[in-house]
Amino acid sequence: MAGNLFFLRGWTITIIGALLALFSKNNSPDYVFYFLIVVIFIFWILDGYFLSQERSYRDLYNYVRKLKEEVIDFSMDISEYQKLKKNTLIYSMFSLTLLVFYLPLISATIYILFQIK
């Protein structure tokens, strides 16, 4: 899961940087920059989803590691752990690790939008 988060952030920077470079050269309409904001939010949601999954599996692991060997059933069902507040999508999206990455990205995109006008 951590690898997915790393690659997703790399793709986010690459795509947003390429689109900003492409659209800032031309006199692109305003809706292009709003499209960039939507793309950033889509990546933010995906990142939050992967983080919530990772947290759920980590909670499952912590539960199973405390069991005796005879009791372990090797089930990978995380539905019980997805109900925890810290493992929800919204809570994961607004975690410190994602806010530190996505808020400056959105801020920079909005700043560039107003600098071009």
PDB file of N, CA and C in Angstrom:
ATOM      1  N   MET A   1       0.818  -1.192   0.000  1.00  0.00           N
ATOM      2  CA  MET A   1       0.000   0.000   0.000  1.00  0.00           C
ATOM      3  C   MET A   1       0.867   1.264   0.000  1.00  0.00           C
ATOM      4  N   ALA A   2       1.936   1.230   0.740  1.00  0.00           N
ATOM      5  CA  ALA A   2       2.809   2.409   0.793  1.00  0.00           C
ATOM      6  C   ALA A   2       3.409   2.687  -0.588  1.00  0.00           C
ATOM      7  N   GLY A   3       3.675   1.626  -1.346  1.00  0.00           N
ATOM      8  CA  GLY A   3       4.189   1.809  -2.705  1.00  0.00           C
ATOM      9  C   GLY A   3       3.155   2.479  -3.597  1.00  0.00           C
ATOM     10  N   ASN A   4       1.896   2.113  -3.426  1.00  0.00           N
ATOM     11  CA  ASN A   4       0.826   2.764  -4.196  1.00  0.00           C
ATOM     12  C   ASN A   4       0.757   4.247  -3.874  1.00  0.00           C
ATOM     13  N   LEU A   5       0.879   4.589  -2.605  1.00  0.00           N
ATOM     14  CA  LEU A   5       0.839   5.995  -2.215  1.00  0.00           C
ATOM     15  C   LEU A   5       2.003   6.764  -2.834  1.00  0.00           C
ATOM     16  N   PHE A   6       3.168   6.158  -2.828  1.00  0.00           N
ATOM     17  CA  PHE A   6       4.350   6.810  -3.391  1.00  0.00           C
ATOM     18  C   PHE A   6       4.181   7.041  -4.897  1.00  0.00           C
ATOM     19  N   PHE A   7       3.746   6.009  -5.620  1.00  0.00           N
ATOM     20  CA  PHE A   7       3.569   6.146  -7.068  1.00  0.00           C
ATOM     21  C   PHE A   7       2.445   7.120  -7.409  1.00  0.00           C
ATOM     22  N   LEU A   8       1.394   7.124  -6.619  1.00  0.00           N
ATOM     23  CA  LEU A   8       0.275   8.033  -6.868  1.00  0.00           C
ATOM     24  C   LEU A   8       0.711   9.482  -6.710  1.00  0.00           C
ATOM     25  N   ARG A   9       1.502   9.756  -5.704  1.00  0.00           N
ATOM     26  CA  ARG A   9       1.995  11.127  -5.518  1.00  0.00           C
ATOM     27  C   ARG A   9       2.956  11.523  -6.636  1.00  0.00           C
ATOM     28  N   GLY A  10       3.751  10.574  -7.087  1.00  0.00           N
ATOM     29  CA  GLY A  10       4.646  10.859  -8.211  1.00  0.00           C
ATOM     30  C   GLY A  10       3.873  11.176  -9.472  1.00  0.00           C
ATOM     31  N   TRP A  11       2.841  10.399  -9.745  1.00  0.00           N
ATOM     32  CA  TRP A  11       1.996  10.660 -10.915  1.00  0.00           C
ATOM     33  C   TRP A  11       1.257  11.987 -10.776  1.00  0.00           C
ATOM     34  N   THR A  12       0.847  12.319  -9.571  1.00  0.00           N
ATOM     35  CA  THR A  12       0.149  13.586  -9.348  1.00  0.00           C
ATOM     36  C   THR A  12       1.040  14.755  -9.718  1.00  0.00           C
ATOM     37  N   ILE A  13       2.247  14.759  -9.197  1.00  0.00           N
ATOM     38  CA  ILE A  13       3.180  15.850  -9.491  1.00  0.00           C
ATOM     39  C   ILE A  13       3.493  15.905 -10.981  1.00  0.00           C
ATOM     40  N   THR A  14       3.720  14.756 -11.588  1.00  0.00           N
ATOM     41  CA  THR A  14       4.071  14.704 -13.008  1.00  0.00           C
ATOM     42  C   THR A  14       2.944  15.241 -13.880  1.00  0.00           C
ATOM     43  N   ILE A  15       1.739  14.761 -13.648  1.00  0.00           N
ATOM     44  CA  ILE A  15       0.603  15.167 -14.490  1.00  0.00           C
ATOM     45  C   ILE A  15       0.253  16.635 -14.276  1.00  0.00           C
ATOM     46  N   ILE A  16       0.193  17.068 -13.027  1.00  0.00           N
ATOM     47  CA  ILE A  16      -0.148  18.463 -12.762  1.00  0.00           C
ATOM     48  C   ILE A  16       0.933  19.398 -13.295  1.00  0.00           C
ATOM     49  N   GLY A  17       2.188  19.043 -13.100  1.00  0.00           N
ATOM     50  CA  GLY A  17       3.278  19.866 -13.630  1.00  0.00           C
ATOM     51  C   GLY A  17       3.248  19.957 -15.146  1.00  0.00           C
ATOM     52  N   ALA A  18       3.000  18.830 -15.803  1.00  0.00           N
ATOM     53  CA  ALA A  18       2.937  18.836 -17.271  1.00  0.00           C
ATOM     54  C   ALA A  18       1.750  19.649 -17.765  1.00  0.00           C
ATOM     55  N   LEU A  19       0.602  19.494 -17.138  1.00  0.00           N
ATOM     56  CA  LEU A  19      -0.578  20.246 -17.565  1.00  0.00           C
ATOM     57  C   LEU A  19      -0.417  21.737 -17.293  1.00  0.00           C
ATOM     58  N   LEU A  20       0.186  22.088 -16.167  1.00  0.00           N
ATOM     59  CA  LEU A  20       0.430  23.505 -15.888  1.00  0.00           C
ATOM     60  C   LEU A  20       1.391  24.105 -16.911  1.00  0.00           C
ATOM     61  N   ALA A  21       2.436  23.380 -17.243  1.00  0.00           N
ATOM     62  CA  ALA A  21       3.389  23.882 -18.239  1.00  0.00           C
ATOM     63  C   ALA A  21       2.729  24.005 -19.607  1.00  0.00           C
ATOM     64  N   LEU A  22       1.916  23.052 -19.963  1.00  0.00           N
ATOM     65  CA  LEU A  22       1.249  23.066 -21.260  1.00  0.00           C
ATOM     66  C   LEU A  22       0.234  24.195 -21.363  1.00  0.00           C
ATOM     67  N   PHE A  23      -0.562  24.364 -20.334  1.00  0.00           N
ATOM     68  CA  PHE A  23      -1.642  25.338 -20.409  1.00  0.00           C
ATOM     69  C   PHE A  23      -1.210  26.749 -20.056  1.00  0.00           C
ATOM     70  N   SER A  24      -0.111  26.924 -19.358  1.00  0.00           N
ATOM     71  CA  SER A  24       0.312  28.274 -19.012  1.00  0.00           C
ATOM     72  C   SER A  24       0.969  28.985 -20.195  1.00  0.00           C
ATOM     73  N   LYS A  25       1.477  28.233 -21.165  1.00  0.00           N
ATOM     74  CA  LYS A  25       2.083  28.841 -22.349  1.00  0.00           C
ATOM     75  C   LYS A  25       1.036  29.549 -23.208  1.00  0.00           C
ATOM     76  N   ASN A  26      -0.031  28.859 -23.460  1.00  0.00           N
ATOM     77  CA  ASN A  26      -1.088  29.401 -24.309  1.00  0.00           C
ATOM     78  C   ASN A  26      -2.034  30.232 -23.455  1.00  0.00           C
ATOM     79  N   ASN A  27      -2.812  31.035 -24.111  1.00  0.00           N
ATOM     80  CA  ASN A  27      -3.868  31.746 -23.400  1.00  0.00           C
ATOM     81  C   ASN A  27      -5.055  30.810 -23.279  1.00  0.00           C
ATOM     82  N   SER A  28      -4.933  29.883 -22.371  1.00  0.00           N
ATOM     83  CA  SER A  28      -5.963  28.868 -22.186  1.00  0.00           C
ATOM     84  C   SER A  28      -7.139  29.454 -21.427  1.00  0.00           C
ATOM     85  N   PRO A  29      -8.319  28.952 -21.714  1.00  0.00           N
ATOM     86  CA  PRO A  29      -9.492  29.420 -20.965  1.00  0.00           C
ATOM     87  C   PRO A  29      -9.401  29.044 -19.487  1.00  0.00           C
ATOM     88  N   ASP A  30     -10.175  29.736 -18.682  1.00  0.00           N
ATOM     89  CA  ASP A  30     -10.138  29.520 -17.230  1.00  0.00           C
ATOM     90  C   ASP A  30     -10.543  28.109 -16.832  1.00  0.00           C
ATOM     91  N   TYR A  31     -11.446  27.502 -17.588  1.00  0.00           N
ATOM     92  CA  TYR A  31     -11.938  26.181 -17.182  1.00  0.00           C
ATOM     93  C   TYR A  31     -10.829  25.131 -17.199  1.00  0.00           C
ATOM     94  N   VAL A  32      -9.756  25.371 -17.924  1.00  0.00           N
ATOM     95  CA  VAL A  32      -8.631  24.435 -17.942  1.00  0.00           C
ATOM     96  C   VAL A  32      -7.990  24.359 -16.554  1.00  0.00           C
ATOM     97  N   PHE A  33      -7.845  25.503 -15.900  1.00  0.00           N
ATOM     98  CA  PHE A  33      -7.239  25.514 -14.571  1.00  0.00           C
ATOM     99  C   PHE A  33      -8.186  24.925 -13.529  1.00  0.00           C
ATOM    100  N   TYR A  34      -9.476  25.107 -13.720  1.00  0.00           N
ATOM    101  CA  TYR A  34     -10.434  24.464 -12.821  1.00  0.00           C
ATOM    102  C   TYR A  34     -10.401  22.949 -13.025  1.00  0.00           C
ATOM    103  N   PHE A  35     -10.132  22.533 -14.240  1.00  0.00           N
ATOM    104  CA  PHE A  35      -9.950  21.107 -14.520  1.00  0.00           C
ATOM    105  C   PHE A  35      -8.753  20.562 -13.739  1.00  0.00           C
ATOM    106  N   LEU A  36      -7.689  21.360 -13.647  1.00  0.00           N
ATOM    107  CA  LEU A  36      -6.522  20.949 -12.876  1.00  0.00           C
ATOM    108  C   LEU A  36      -6.862  20.756 -11.399  1.00  0.00           C
ATOM    109  N   ILE A  37      -7.660  21.648 -10.858  1.00  0.00           N
ATOM    110  CA  ILE A  37      -8.079  21.525  -9.457  1.00  0.00           C
ATOM    111  C   ILE A  37      -8.878  20.238  -9.267  1.00  0.00           C
ATOM    112  N   VAL A  38      -9.762  19.929 -10.214  1.00  0.00           N
ATOM    113  CA  VAL A  38     -10.553  18.702 -10.132  1.00  0.00           C
ATOM    114  C   VAL A  38      -9.636  17.476 -10.203  1.00  0.00           C
ATOM    115  N   VAL A  39      -8.637  17.511 -11.061  1.00  0.00           N
ATOM    116  CA  VAL A  39      -7.684  16.400 -11.172  1.00  0.00           C
ATOM    117  C   VAL A  39      -6.936  16.215  -9.850  1.00  0.00           C
ATOM    118  N   ILE A  40      -6.529  17.311  -9.229  1.00  0.00           N
ATOM    119  CA  ILE A  40      -5.837  17.216  -7.937  1.00  0.00           C
ATOM    120  C   ILE A  40      -6.758  16.582  -6.902  1.00  0.00           C
ATOM    121  N   PHE A  41      -8.024  16.981  -6.870  1.00  0.00           N
ATOM    122  CA  PHE A  41      -8.964  16.394  -5.912  1.00  0.00           C
ATOM    123  C   PHE A  41      -9.184  14.906  -6.179  1.00  0.00           C
ATOM    124  N   ILE A  42      -9.207  14.505  -7.434  1.00  0.00           N
ATOM    125  CA  ILE A  42      -9.364  13.082  -7.755  1.00  0.00           C
ATOM    126  C   ILE A  42      -8.172  12.289  -7.225  1.00  0.00           C
ATOM    127  N   PHE A  43      -6.964  12.792  -7.433  1.00  0.00           N
ATOM    128  CA  PHE A  43      -5.779  12.115  -6.899  1.00  0.00           C
ATOM    129  C   PHE A  43      -5.789  12.116  -5.368  1.00  0.00           C
ATOM    130  N   TRP A  44      -6.287  13.191  -4.773  1.00  0.00           N
ATOM    131  CA  TRP A  44      -6.372  13.279  -3.316  1.00  0.00           C
ATOM    132  C   TRP A  44      -7.329  12.208  -2.779  1.00  0.00           C
ATOM    133  N   ILE A  45      -8.450  12.020  -3.461  1.00  0.00           N
ATOM    134  CA  ILE A  45      -9.411  10.988  -3.054  1.00  0.00           C
ATOM    135  C   ILE A  45      -8.789   9.603  -3.187  1.00  0.00           C
ATOM    136  N   LEU A  46      -8.101   9.343  -4.293  1.00  0.00           N
ATOM    137  CA  LEU A  46      -7.439   8.049  -4.462  1.00  0.00           C
ATOM    138  C   LEU A  46      -6.379   7.811  -3.391  1.00  0.00           C
ATOM    139  N   ASP A  47      -5.625   8.830  -3.091  1.00  0.00           N
ATOM    140  CA  ASP A  47      -4.600   8.726  -2.055  1.00  0.00           C
ATOM    141  C   ASP A  47      -5.233   8.438  -0.696  1.00  0.00           C
ATOM    142  N   GLY A  48      -6.339   9.115  -0.410  1.00  0.00           N
ATOM    143  CA  GLY A  48      -7.065   8.864   0.833  1.00  0.00           C
ATOM    144  C   GLY A  48      -7.617   7.456   0.897  1.00  0.00           C
ATOM    145  N   TYR A  49      -8.080   6.948  -0.245  1.00  0.00           N
ATOM    146  CA  TYR A  49      -8.597   5.581  -0.298  1.00  0.00           C
ATOM    147  C   TYR A  49      -7.499   4.569   0.029  1.00  0.00           C
ATOM    148  N   PHE A  50      -6.341   4.721  -0.612  1.00  0.00           N
ATOM    149  CA  PHE A  50      -5.235   3.797  -0.346  1.00  0.00           C
ATOM    150  C   PHE A  50      -4.766   3.895   1.107  1.00  0.00           C
ATOM    151  N   LEU A  51      -4.756   5.102   1.659  1.00  0.00           N
ATOM    152  CA  LEU A  51      -4.347   5.262   3.050  1.00  0.00           C
ATOM    153  C   LEU A  51      -5.358   4.610   3.992  1.00  0.00           C
ATOM    154  N   SER A  52      -6.646   4.738   3.698  1.00  0.00           N
ATOM    155  CA  SER A  52      -7.650   4.098   4.556  1.00  0.00           C
ATOM    156  C   SER A  52      -7.556   2.579   4.479  1.00  0.00           C
ATOM    157  N   GLN A  53      -7.270   2.050   3.285  1.00  0.00           N
ATOM    158  CA  GLN A  53      -7.076   0.608   3.152  1.00  0.00           C
ATOM    159  C   GLN A  53      -5.855   0.145   3.931  1.00  0.00           C
ATOM    160  N   GLU A  54      -4.780   0.898   3.823  1.00  0.00           N
ATOM    161  CA  GLU A  54      -3.556   0.542   4.536  1.00  0.00           C
ATOM    162  C   GLU A  54      -3.781   0.539   6.048  1.00  0.00           C
ATOM    163  N   ARG A  55      -4.492   1.524   6.543  1.00  0.00           N
ATOM    164  CA  ARG A  55      -4.775   1.583   7.974  1.00  0.00           C
ATOM    165  C   ARG A  55      -5.644   0.409   8.413  1.00  0.00           C
ATOM    166  N   SER A  56      -6.613   0.031   7.596  1.00  0.00           N
ATOM    167  CA  SER A  56      -7.482  -1.097   7.942  1.00  0.00           C
ATOM    168  C   SER A  56      -6.691  -2.395   8.013  1.00  0.00           C
ATOM    169  N   TYR A  57      -5.836  -2.616   7.029  1.00  0.00           N
ATOM    170  CA  TYR A  57      -5.010  -3.832   7.043  1.00  0.00           C
ATOM    171  C   TYR A  57      -4.002  -3.818   8.189  1.00  0.00           C
ATOM    172  N   ARG A  58      -3.509  -2.656   8.533  1.00  0.00           N
ATOM    173  CA  ARG A  58      -2.598  -2.563   9.665  1.00  0.00           C
ATOM    174  C   ARG A  58      -3.317  -2.922  10.968  1.00  0.00           C
ATOM    175  N   ASP A  59      -4.567  -2.468  11.107  1.00  0.00           N
ATOM    176  CA  ASP A  59      -5.349  -2.830  12.291  1.00  0.00           C
ATOM    177  C   ASP A  59      -5.634  -4.326  12.330  1.00  0.00           C
ATOM    178  N   LEU A  60      -5.932  -4.916  11.169  1.00  0.00           N
ATOM    179  CA  LEU A  60      -6.141  -6.365  11.109  1.00  0.00           C
ATOM    180  C   LEU A  60      -4.867  -7.094  11.524  1.00  0.00           C
ATOM    181  N   TYR A  61      -3.744  -6.643  11.030  1.00  0.00           N
ATOM    182  CA  TYR A  61      -2.465  -7.261  11.387  1.00  0.00           C
ATOM    183  C   TYR A  61      -2.221  -7.175  12.894  1.00  0.00           C
ATOM    184  N   ASN A  62      -2.477  -5.993  13.462  1.00  0.00           N
ATOM    185  CA  ASN A  62      -2.258  -5.824  14.904  1.00  0.00           C
ATOM    186  C   ASN A  62      -3.171  -6.732  15.719  1.00  0.00           C
ATOM    187  N   TYR A  63      -4.374  -6.982  15.217  1.00  0.00           N
ATOM    188  CA  TYR A  63      -5.285  -7.899  15.908  1.00  0.00           C
ATOM    189  C   TYR A  63      -4.778  -9.342  15.811  1.00  0.00           C
ATOM    190  N   VAL A  64      -4.385  -9.749  14.614  1.00  0.00           N
ATOM    191  CA  VAL A  64      -3.987 -11.140  14.380  1.00  0.00           C
ATOM    192  C   VAL A  64      -2.663 -11.462  15.076  1.00  0.00           C
ATOM    193  N   ARG A  65      -1.765 -10.540  15.140  1.00  0.00           N
ATOM    194  CA  ARG A  65      -0.459 -10.823  15.751  1.00  0.00           C
ATOM    195  C   ARG A  65      -0.560 -11.121  17.239  1.00  0.00           C
ATOM    196  N   LYS A  66      -1.652 -10.707  17.874  1.00  0.00           N
ATOM    197  CA  LYS A  66      -1.835 -10.963  19.304  1.00  0.00           C
ATOM    198  C   LYS A  66      -2.552 -12.285  19.576  1.00  0.00           C
ATOM    199  N   LEU A  67      -3.084 -12.915  18.524  1.00  0.00           N
ATOM    200  CA  LEU A  67      -3.797 -14.181  18.706  1.00  0.00           C
ATOM    201  C   LEU A  67      -2.821 -15.339  18.853  1.00  0.00           C
ATOM    202  N   LYS A  68      -3.317 -16.395  19.459  1.00  0.00           N
ATOM    203  CA  LYS A  68      -2.526 -17.625  19.511  1.00  0.00           C
ATOM    204  C   LYS A  68      -2.582 -18.285  18.147  1.00  0.00           C
ATOM    205  N   GLU A  69      -1.582 -19.036  17.838  1.00  0.00           N
ATOM    206  CA  GLU A  69      -1.447 -19.630  16.508  1.00  0.00           C
ATOM    207  C   GLU A  69      -2.618 -20.540  16.145  1.00  0.00           C
ATOM    208  N   GLU A  70      -3.194 -21.225  17.109  1.00  0.00           N
ATOM    209  CA  GLU A  70      -4.295 -22.151  16.832  1.00  0.00           C
ATOM    210  C   GLU A  70      -5.590 -21.420  16.471  1.00  0.00           C
ATOM    211  N   VAL A  71      -5.721 -20.169  16.867  1.00  0.00           N
ATOM    212  CA  VAL A  71      -6.962 -19.415  16.678  1.00  0.00           C
ATOM    213  C   VAL A  71      -6.975 -18.664  15.343  1.00  0.00           C
ATOM    214  N   ILE A  72      -5.839 -18.454  14.747  1.00  0.00           N
ATOM    215  CA  ILE A  72      -5.745 -17.662  13.519  1.00  0.00           C
ATOM    216  C   ILE A  72      -6.447 -18.383  12.372  1.00  0.00           C
ATOM    217  N   ASP A  73      -7.341 -17.646  11.668  1.00  0.00           N
ATOM    218  CA  ASP A  73      -8.086 -18.265  10.572  1.00  0.00           C
ATOM    219  C   ASP A  73      -7.641 -17.761   9.187  1.00  0.00           C
ATOM    220  N   PHE A  74      -6.671 -16.904   9.120  1.00  0.00           N
ATOM    221  CA  PHE A  74      -6.092 -16.372   7.872  1.00  0.00           C
ATOM    222  C   PHE A  74      -7.104 -15.621   7.013  1.00  0.00           C
ATOM    223  N   SER A  75      -8.104 -15.061   7.639  1.00  0.00           N
ATOM    224  CA  SER A  75      -9.079 -14.247   6.922  1.00  0.00           C
ATOM    225  C   SER A  75      -8.500 -12.852   6.693  1.00  0.00           C
ATOM    226  N   MET A  76      -8.697 -12.324   5.508  1.00  0.00           N
ATOM    227  CA  MET A  76      -8.225 -10.974   5.182  1.00  0.00           C
ATOM    228  C   MET A  76      -9.389  -9.985   5.134  1.00  0.00           C
ATOM    229  N   ASP A  77     -10.483 -10.307   5.810  1.00  0.00           N
ATOM    230  CA  ASP A  77     -11.670  -9.457   5.831  1.00  0.00           C
ATOM    231  C   ASP A  77     -11.416  -8.245   6.730  1.00  0.00           C
ATOM    232  N   ILE A  78     -11.459  -7.058   6.129  1.00  0.00           N
ATOM    233  CA  ILE A  78     -11.177  -5.839   6.889  1.00  0.00           C
ATOM    234  C   ILE A  78     -12.442  -5.010   7.123  1.00  0.00           C
ATOM    235  N   SER A  79     -13.607  -5.560   6.816  1.00  0.00           N
ATOM    236  CA  SER A  79     -14.846  -4.781   6.940  1.00  0.00           C
ATOM    237  C   SER A  79     -15.058  -4.274   8.359  1.00  0.00           C
ATOM    238  N   GLU A  80     -14.666  -5.040   9.345  1.00  0.00           N
ATOM    239  CA  GLU A  80     -14.803  -4.623  10.747  1.00  0.00           C
ATOM    240  C   GLU A  80     -13.928  -3.410  11.044  1.00  0.00           C
ATOM    241  N   TYR A  81     -12.768  -3.353  10.443  1.00  0.00           N
ATOM    242  CA  TYR A  81     -11.820  -2.272  10.725  1.00  0.00           C
ATOM    243  C   TYR A  81     -12.087  -1.030   9.888  1.00  0.00           C
ATOM    244  N   GLN A  82     -12.821  -1.175   8.805  1.00  0.00           N
ATOM    245  CA  GLN A  82     -13.165  -0.013   7.984  1.00  0.00           C
ATOM    246  C   GLN A  82     -14.214   0.860   8.657  1.00  0.00           C
ATOM    247  N   LYS A  83     -14.887   0.328   9.645  1.00  0.00           N
ATOM    248  CA  LYS A  83     -15.899   1.091  10.365  1.00  0.00           C
ATOM    249  C   LYS A  83     -15.289   2.044  11.387  1.00  0.00           C
ATOM    250  N   LEU A  84     -14.036   1.840  11.726  1.00  0.00           N
ATOM    251  CA  LEU A  84     -13.365   2.725  12.676  1.00  0.00           C
ATOM    252  C   LEU A  84     -13.199   4.106  12.061  1.00  0.00           C
ATOM    253  N   LYS A  85     -13.344   5.138  12.872  1.00  0.00           N
ATOM    254  CA  LYS A  85     -13.292   6.512  12.369  1.00  0.00           C
ATOM    255  C   LYS A  85     -11.976   6.822  11.654  1.00  0.00           C
ATOM    256  N   LYS A  86     -10.867   6.387  12.224  1.00  0.00           N
ATOM    257  CA  LYS A  86      -9.557   6.722  11.649  1.00  0.00           C
ATOM    258  C   LYS A  86      -9.305   6.017  10.323  1.00  0.00           C
ATOM    259  N   ASN A  87     -10.123   5.020   9.990  1.00  0.00           N
ATOM    260  CA  ASN A  87      -9.940   4.278   8.744  1.00  0.00           C
ATOM    261  C   ASN A  87     -10.923   4.690   7.654  1.00  0.00           C
ATOM    262  N   THR A  88     -11.736   5.705   7.897  1.00  0.00           N
ATOM    263  CA  THR A  88     -12.684   6.139   6.871  1.00  0.00           C
ATOM    264  C   THR A  88     -11.962   6.958   5.804  1.00  0.00           C
ATOM    265  N   LEU A  89     -12.582   7.061   4.656  1.00  0.00           N
ATOM    266  CA  LEU A  89     -11.989   7.781   3.534  1.00  0.00           C
ATOM    267  C   LEU A  89     -11.790   9.262   3.872  1.00  0.00           C
ATOM    268  N   ILE A  90     -12.808   9.896   4.412  1.00  0.00           N
ATOM    269  CA  ILE A  90     -12.725  11.331   4.710  1.00  0.00           C
ATOM    270  C   ILE A  90     -11.650  11.605   5.766  1.00  0.00           C
ATOM    271  N   TYR A  91     -11.626  10.807   6.807  1.00  0.00           N
ATOM    272  CA  TYR A  91     -10.631  10.992   7.862  1.00  0.00           C
ATOM    273  C   TYR A  91      -9.220  10.790   7.305  1.00  0.00           C
ATOM    274  N   SER A  92      -9.063   9.820   6.418  1.00  0.00           N
ATOM    275  CA  SER A  92      -7.756   9.574   5.809  1.00  0.00           C
ATOM    276  C   SER A  92      -7.354  10.712   4.872  1.00  0.00           C
ATOM    277  N   MET A  93      -8.326  11.246   4.138  1.00  0.00           N
ATOM    278  CA  MET A  93      -8.019  12.345   3.219  1.00  0.00           C
ATOM    279  C   MET A  93      -7.506  13.574   3.955  1.00  0.00           C
ATOM    280  N   PHE A  94      -8.024  13.807   5.159  1.00  0.00           N
ATOM    281  CA  PHE A  94      -7.633  14.986   5.913  1.00  0.00           C
ATOM    282  C   PHE A  94      -6.592  14.669   6.989  1.00  0.00           C
ATOM    283  N   SER A  95      -5.862  13.572   6.780  1.00  0.00           N
ATOM    284  CA  SER A  95      -4.753  13.275   7.679  1.00  0.00           C
ATOM    285  C   SER A  95      -3.603  14.239   7.377  1.00  0.00           C
ATOM    286  N   LEU A  96      -2.730  14.389   8.325  1.00  0.00           N
ATOM    287  CA  LEU A  96      -1.634  15.351   8.188  1.00  0.00           C
ATOM    288  C   LEU A  96      -0.740  15.036   6.995  1.00  0.00           C
ATOM    289  N   THR A  97      -0.485  13.756   6.754  1.00  0.00           N
ATOM    290  CA  THR A  97       0.419  13.394   5.659  1.00  0.00           C
ATOM    291  C   THR A  97      -0.134  13.792   4.297  1.00  0.00           C
ATOM    292  N   LEU A  98      -1.450  13.690   4.120  1.00  0.00           N
ATOM    293  CA  LEU A  98      -2.026  14.067   2.831  1.00  0.00           C
ATOM    294  C   LEU A  98      -2.251  15.570   2.725  1.00  0.00           C
ATOM    295  N   LEU A  99      -2.604  16.207   3.844  1.00  0.00           N
ATOM    296  CA  LEU A  99      -2.791  17.658   3.813  1.00  0.00           C
ATOM    297  C   LEU A  99      -1.502  18.382   3.481  1.00  0.00           C
ATOM    298  N   VAL A 100      -0.385  17.897   4.011  1.00  0.00           N
ATOM    299  CA  VAL A 100       0.915  18.528   3.757  1.00  0.00           C
ATOM    300  C   VAL A 100       1.274  18.440   2.276  1.00  0.00           C
ATOM    301  N   PHE A 101       0.790  17.427   1.601  1.00  0.00           N
ATOM    302  CA  PHE A 101       1.105  17.257   0.182  1.00  0.00           C
ATOM    303  C   PHE A 101       0.110  17.995  -0.720  1.00  0.00           C
ATOM    304  N   TYR A 102      -1.186  17.830  -0.471  1.00  0.00           N
ATOM    305  CA  TYR A 102      -2.197  18.320  -1.413  1.00  0.00           C
ATOM    306  C   TYR A 102      -2.576  19.783  -1.228  1.00  0.00           C
ATOM    307  N   LEU A 103      -2.569  20.308  -0.010  1.00  0.00           N
ATOM    308  CA  LEU A 103      -2.911  21.722   0.159  1.00  0.00           C
ATOM    309  C   LEU A 103      -1.908  22.659  -0.513  1.00  0.00           C
ATOM    310  N   PRO A 104      -0.597  22.435  -0.372  1.00  0.00           N
ATOM    311  CA  PRO A 104       0.329  23.292  -1.131  1.00  0.00           C
ATOM    312  C   PRO A 104       0.190  23.132  -2.641  1.00  0.00           C
ATOM    313  N   LEU A 105      -0.143  21.935  -3.090  1.00  0.00           N
ATOM    314  CA  LEU A 105      -0.329  21.716  -4.523  1.00  0.00           C
ATOM    315  C   LEU A 105      -1.530  22.498  -5.047  1.00  0.00           C
ATOM    316  N   ILE A 106      -2.622  22.472  -4.305  1.00  0.00           N
ATOM    317  CA  ILE A 106      -3.809  23.244  -4.693  1.00  0.00           C
ATOM    318  C   ILE A 106      -3.519  24.736  -4.599  1.00  0.00           C
ATOM    319  N   SER A 107      -2.828  25.137  -3.548  1.00  0.00           N
ATOM    320  CA  SER A 107      -2.484  26.552  -3.379  1.00  0.00           C
ATOM    321  C   SER A 107      -1.598  27.051  -4.517  1.00  0.00           C
ATOM    322  N   ALA A 108      -0.616  26.268  -4.895  1.00  0.00           N
ATOM    323  CA  ALA A 108       0.277  26.659  -5.996  1.00  0.00           C
ATOM    324  C   ALA A 108      -0.483  26.749  -7.314  1.00  0.00           C
ATOM    325  N   THR A 109      -1.399  25.825  -7.547  1.00  0.00           N
ATOM    326  CA  THR A 109      -2.192  25.860  -8.780  1.00  0.00           C
ATOM    327  C   THR A 109      -3.074  27.104  -8.815  1.00  0.00           C
ATOM    328  N   ILE A 110      -3.701  27.433  -7.705  1.00  0.00           N
ATOM    329  CA  ILE A 110      -4.544  28.632  -7.648  1.00  0.00           C
ATOM    330  C   ILE A 110      -3.681  29.885  -7.805  1.00  0.00           C
ATOM    331  N   TYR A 111      -2.514  29.899  -7.181  1.00  0.00           N
ATOM    332  CA  TYR A 111      -1.605  31.037  -7.313  1.00  0.00           C
ATOM    333  C   TYR A 111      -1.195  31.233  -8.774  1.00  0.00           C
ATOM    334  N   ILE A 112      -0.852  30.161  -9.445  1.00  0.00           N
ATOM    335  CA  ILE A 112      -0.464  30.253 -10.872  1.00  0.00           C
ATOM    336  C   ILE A 112      -1.636  30.706 -11.706  1.00  0.00           C
ATOM    337  N   LEU A 113      -2.834  30.252 -11.369  1.00  0.00           N
ATOM    338  CA  LEU A 113      -4.038  30.667 -12.091  1.00  0.00           C
ATOM    339  C   LEU A 113      -4.203  32.178 -12.042  1.00  0.00           C
ATOM    340  N   PHE A 114      -4.000  32.773 -10.864  1.00  0.00           N
ATOM    341  CA  PHE A 114      -4.180  34.206 -10.732  1.00  0.00           C
ATOM    342  C   PHE A 114      -2.995  35.009 -11.252  1.00  0.00           C
ATOM    343  N   GLN A 115      -1.820  34.408 -11.332  1.00  0.00           N
ATOM    344  CA  GLN A 115      -0.655  35.093 -11.887  1.00  0.00           C
ATOM    345  C   GLN A 115      -0.733  35.206 -13.405  1.00  0.00           C
ATOM    346  N   ILE A 116      -1.370  34.223 -14.029  1.00  0.00           N
ATOM    347  CA  ILE A 116      -1.467  34.228 -15.481  1.00  0.00           C
ATOM    348  C   ILE A 116      -2.499  35.246 -15.962  1.00  0.00           C
ATOM    349  N   LYS A 117      -3.535  35.433 -15.164  1.00  0.00           N
ATOM    350  CA  LYS A 117      -4.601  36.367 -15.571  1.00  0.00           C
ATOM    351  C   LYS A 117      -4.139  37.786 -15.584  1.00  0.00           C
TER     352      LYS A 117
END
